[in-house]
């Protein structure tokens, strides 16, 4: 997989949109963007992490969009939008503070793992701990 699989994000995004039976205009409304922005996402422009969180709240399997792997069976695709946003922000800020870059697929795996951790424990997202984890893993 790795970097090469990132080229499939646009087609998987379109596939998820179609699975949800949503047209580009509906997705644009959900994400508060222009229809041409959604078209660009389907052509390869990176999808901002906050918009991925919005898509997840509408039932999109963001793990699939980013990695090509469906969410685990039995695991609900709908997520806590606020928690996912906090996890994504913590990861983005942690990577920026640590001056590190991460391939989208790896970043997605990290976000999913942290989301699961915080969703399972019910604890608040601790950005300092996320930063420490990122630095340790780097």
Protein backbone atom coordinates (compact mmCIF):
# COMPACT_ATOMS: atom_id res chain seq x y z
CA UNK A 1 0.00 0.00 0.00
CA UNK A 2 1.92 3.11 1.20
CA UNK A 3 2.19 6.30 -0.80
CA UNK A 4 1.10 4.64 -4.04
CA UNK A 5 -2.37 3.86 -2.65
CA UNK A 6 -2.96 7.56 -1.98
CA UNK A 7 -3.65 8.00 -5.71
CA UNK A 8 -6.84 5.99 -5.25
CA UNK A 9 -8.33 8.37 -2.64
CA UNK A 10 -10.32 10.36 -5.25
CA UNK A 11 -11.97 7.27 -6.74
CA UNK A 12 -12.75 5.82 -3.28
CA UNK A 13 -14.19 9.18 -2.22
CA UNK A 14 -16.50 9.15 -5.26
CA UNK A 15 -17.39 5.52 -4.56
CA UNK A 16 -18.35 6.41 -0.96
CA UNK A 17 -20.42 9.38 -2.15
CA UNK A 18 -22.28 7.08 -4.53
CA UNK A 19 -22.69 4.40 -1.82
CA UNK A 20 -24.38 7.05 0.32
CA UNK A 21 -26.60 7.88 -2.67
CA UNK A 22 -25.50 11.50 -2.47
CA UNK A 23 -24.78 13.73 -5.42
CA UNK A 24 -21.95 16.25 -5.54
CA UNK A 25 -24.31 19.08 -4.59
CA UNK A 26 -25.46 17.29 -1.42
CA UNK A 27 -21.88 16.59 -0.36
CA UNK A 28 -21.02 20.23 -1.05
CA UNK A 29 -23.89 21.31 1.22
CA UNK A 30 -22.77 18.95 4.01
CA UNK A 31 -19.22 20.28 3.83
CA UNK A 32 -20.17 23.94 3.24
CA UNK A 33 -18.11 24.10 0.04
CA UNK A 34 -18.83 24.75 -3.63
CA UNK A 35 -19.80 21.86 -5.91
CA UNK A 36 -16.62 22.48 -7.90
CA UNK A 37 -14.63 21.75 -4.71
CA UNK A 38 -16.26 18.32 -4.42
CA UNK A 39 -15.50 17.76 -8.12
CA UNK A 40 -11.86 18.64 -7.43
CA UNK A 41 -11.73 16.17 -4.51
CA UNK A 42 -12.92 13.50 -6.94
CA UNK A 43 -10.14 14.54 -9.33
CA UNK A 44 -7.33 14.38 -6.77
CA UNK A 45 -7.29 17.58 -4.72
CA UNK A 46 -6.67 16.57 -1.07
CA UNK A 47 -9.75 16.53 1.14
CA UNK A 48 -9.20 18.65 4.30
CA UNK A 49 -9.38 16.69 7.53
CA UNK A 50 -12.26 18.77 8.91
CA UNK A 51 -14.28 17.89 5.81
CA UNK A 52 -13.47 14.19 6.29
CA UNK A 53 -14.97 14.51 9.78
CA UNK A 54 -18.14 16.00 8.27
CA UNK A 55 -18.31 13.19 5.73
CA UNK A 56 -17.95 10.64 8.54
CA UNK A 57 -20.85 12.23 10.39
CA UNK A 58 -22.98 11.58 7.29
CA UNK A 59 -22.02 7.91 7.23
CA UNK A 60 -18.97 7.91 4.96
CA UNK A 61 -16.34 5.29 5.75
CA UNK A 62 -13.36 7.66 5.99
CA UNK A 63 -11.02 4.78 6.77
CA UNK A 64 -11.96 3.27 3.40
CA UNK A 65 -11.56 6.57 1.55
CA UNK A 66 -8.05 7.05 2.90
CA UNK A 67 -6.70 3.51 3.13
CA UNK A 68 -8.86 1.30 0.93
CA UNK A 69 -9.77 -0.82 3.96
CA UNK A 70 -13.34 -0.88 5.15
CA UNK A 71 -14.13 -0.21 8.80
CA UNK A 72 -14.10 -3.43 10.83
CA UNK A 73 -17.29 -5.50 10.53
CA UNK A 74 -19.72 -4.71 13.31
CA UNK A 75 -18.09 -1.35 13.85
CA UNK A 76 -20.57 1.43 13.17
CA UNK A 77 -19.59 3.70 10.28
CA UNK A 78 -21.33 6.69 11.87
CA UNK A 79 -19.01 8.39 14.32
CA UNK A 80 -19.04 11.08 16.95
CA UNK A 81 -18.34 14.12 14.74
CA UNK A 82 -17.05 16.26 17.62
CA UNK A 83 -14.68 13.55 18.89
CA UNK A 84 -13.38 12.82 15.39
CA UNK A 85 -12.75 16.53 14.80
CA UNK A 86 -10.85 16.81 18.10
CA UNK A 87 -8.71 13.75 17.26
CA UNK A 88 -7.95 15.05 13.75
CA UNK A 89 -7.04 18.49 15.13
CA UNK A 90 -4.78 16.91 17.76
CA UNK A 91 -3.00 14.80 15.13
CA UNK A 92 -2.61 17.75 12.74
CA UNK A 93 -1.30 20.03 15.50
CA UNK A 94 0.98 17.29 16.85
CA UNK A 95 2.51 16.66 13.45
CA UNK A 96 2.98 20.38 12.89
CA UNK A 97 4.55 20.92 16.31
CA UNK A 98 6.83 17.91 15.85
CA UNK A 99 7.65 19.18 12.36
CA UNK A 100 6.76 15.82 10.86
CA UNK A 101 4.83 14.78 7.78
CA UNK A 102 2.85 11.59 7.47
CA UNK A 103 1.37 9.88 4.41
CA UNK A 104 -2.43 10.24 4.35
CA UNK A 105 -2.97 6.50 4.77
CA UNK A 106 -0.72 6.38 7.85
CA UNK A 107 -2.35 9.53 9.24
CA UNK A 108 -5.74 7.89 8.78
CA UNK A 109 -4.58 4.80 10.67
CA UNK A 110 -3.37 7.02 13.52
CA UNK A 111 -6.64 8.97 13.60
CA UNK A 112 -8.70 5.76 13.63
CA UNK A 113 -6.58 4.26 16.43
CA UNK A 114 -6.81 7.42 18.55
CA UNK A 115 -10.51 7.81 17.84
CA UNK A 116 -11.11 4.23 18.97
CA UNK A 117 -9.03 4.79 22.09
CA UNK A 118 -10.86 7.95 23.12
CA UNK A 119 -14.28 6.60 22.11
CA UNK A 120 -13.70 3.43 24.15
CA UNK A 121 -12.40 5.19 27.26
CA UNK A 122 -14.68 8.22 27.14
CA UNK A 123 -11.74 10.44 28.07
CA UNK A 124 -11.16 13.86 26.55
CA UNK A 125 -8.57 14.18 23.78
CA UNK A 126 -5.25 15.14 25.38
CA UNK A 127 -3.22 16.99 22.74
CA UNK A 128 -0.02 16.75 24.80
CA UNK A 129 -0.33 12.96 24.92
CA UNK A 130 -1.06 12.82 21.19
CA UNK A 131 2.08 14.90 20.53
CA UNK A 132 4.14 12.59 22.77
CA UNK A 133 2.77 9.58 20.91
CA UNK A 134 3.61 11.11 17.53
CA UNK A 135 7.15 11.94 18.63
CA UNK A 136 7.63 8.45 20.05
CA UNK A 137 6.40 6.80 16.88
CA UNK A 138 8.50 8.98 14.57
